[in-house]
Amino acid sequence: MVDFNELKDKAQDLVAQHADTIKDGITKTGDFVGEKVGHDKVDPIEEKLHGLVDKAARNDEPPSPTPPVV
């Protein structure tokens, strides 16, 4: 049986590791398409995609508390 939570975690880790590369690809694609149809149409979509990458890279679980140093 497929553990979808495990797949989600792996995908988040992968996006987190390569977020800059993914965003660079989005920017380059946005620049290319923007030259064809206009940057005013493409730039808002590009910004939203960057936000989705940031959101996907974050782990929504709260950070585990660190034990106090004694």
Protein backbone atom coordinates (compact mmCIF):
# COMPACT_ATOMS: atom_id res chain seq x y z
CA MET A 1 0.00 0.00 0.00
CA VAL A 2 1.22 3.49 -0.81
CA ASP A 3 2.05 5.79 2.11
CA PHE A 4 0.99 9.17 0.76
CA ASN A 5 2.35 11.05 3.77
CA GLU A 6 5.77 9.58 3.08
CA LEU A 7 5.52 10.60 -0.59
CA LYS A 8 4.46 14.12 0.45
CA ASP A 9 7.42 14.39 2.82
CA LYS A 10 9.83 13.20 0.13
CA ALA A 11 8.39 15.70 -2.35
CA GLN A 12 8.70 18.54 0.19
CA ASP A 13 12.29 17.58 0.90
CA LEU A 14 13.07 17.48 -2.81
CA VAL A 15 11.49 20.88 -3.42
CA ALA A 16 13.28 22.33 -0.38
CA GLN A 17 16.65 21.05 -1.62
CA HIS A 18 16.13 22.42 -5.13
CA ALA A 19 13.93 25.48 -4.53
CA ASP A 20 16.45 27.92 -6.03
CA THR A 21 16.83 25.83 -9.18
CA ILE A 22 13.06 25.50 -9.55
CA LYS A 23 12.60 29.26 -9.11
CA ASP A 24 15.35 29.97 -11.66
CA GLY A 25 13.51 27.77 -14.15
CA ILE A 26 10.25 29.59 -13.45
CA THR A 27 11.97 32.95 -13.94
CA LYS A 28 13.64 31.91 -17.21
CA THR A 29 10.38 30.50 -18.54
CA GLY A 30 8.55 33.65 -17.43
CA ASP A 31 11.07 35.83 -19.23
CA PHE A 32 10.72 33.82 -22.44
CA VAL A 33 6.93 33.78 -22.36
CA GLY A 34 6.84 37.41 -21.24
CA GLU A 35 8.69 38.43 -24.40
CA LYS A 36 5.96 36.74 -26.45
CA VAL A 37 2.77 37.75 -24.64
CA GLY A 38 3.86 40.59 -22.38
CA HIS A 39 5.43 40.68 -18.95
CA ASP A 40 2.36 42.32 -17.45
CA LYS A 41 0.47 39.06 -17.99
CA VAL A 42 3.27 36.70 -16.97
CA ASP A 43 4.83 38.41 -13.94
CA PRO A 44 1.86 37.87 -11.58
CA ILE A 45 1.78 34.17 -12.47
CA GLU A 46 5.52 33.93 -11.97
CA GLU A 47 5.22 35.48 -8.50
CA LYS A 48 2.46 33.04 -7.54
CA LEU A 49 4.53 30.09 -8.72
CA HIS A 50 7.48 31.30 -6.63
CA GLY A 51 5.13 31.46 -3.64
CA LEU A 52 3.92 27.92 -4.29
CA VAL A 53 7.51 26.68 -4.38
CA ASP A 54 8.17 28.39 -1.05
CA LYS A 55 5.01 26.91 0.43
CA ALA A 56 5.77 23.42 -0.88
CA ALA A 57 9.33 23.57 0.48
CA ARG A 58 8.17 24.32 4.02
CA ASN A 59 7.16 21.59 6.36
CA ASP A 60 3.80 22.56 7.87
CA GLU A 61 4.53 20.67 11.08
CA PRO A 62 5.53 22.82 14.04
CA PRO A 63 9.21 22.55 14.96
CA SER A 64 9.94 20.11 17.73
CA PRO A 65 10.93 21.85 20.96
CA THR A 66 14.59 21.62 21.83
CA PRO A 67 15.36 20.29 25.27
CA PRO A 68 16.80 22.85 27.68
CA VAL A 69 20.53 22.83 28.12
CA VAL A 70 21.44 21.95 31.70
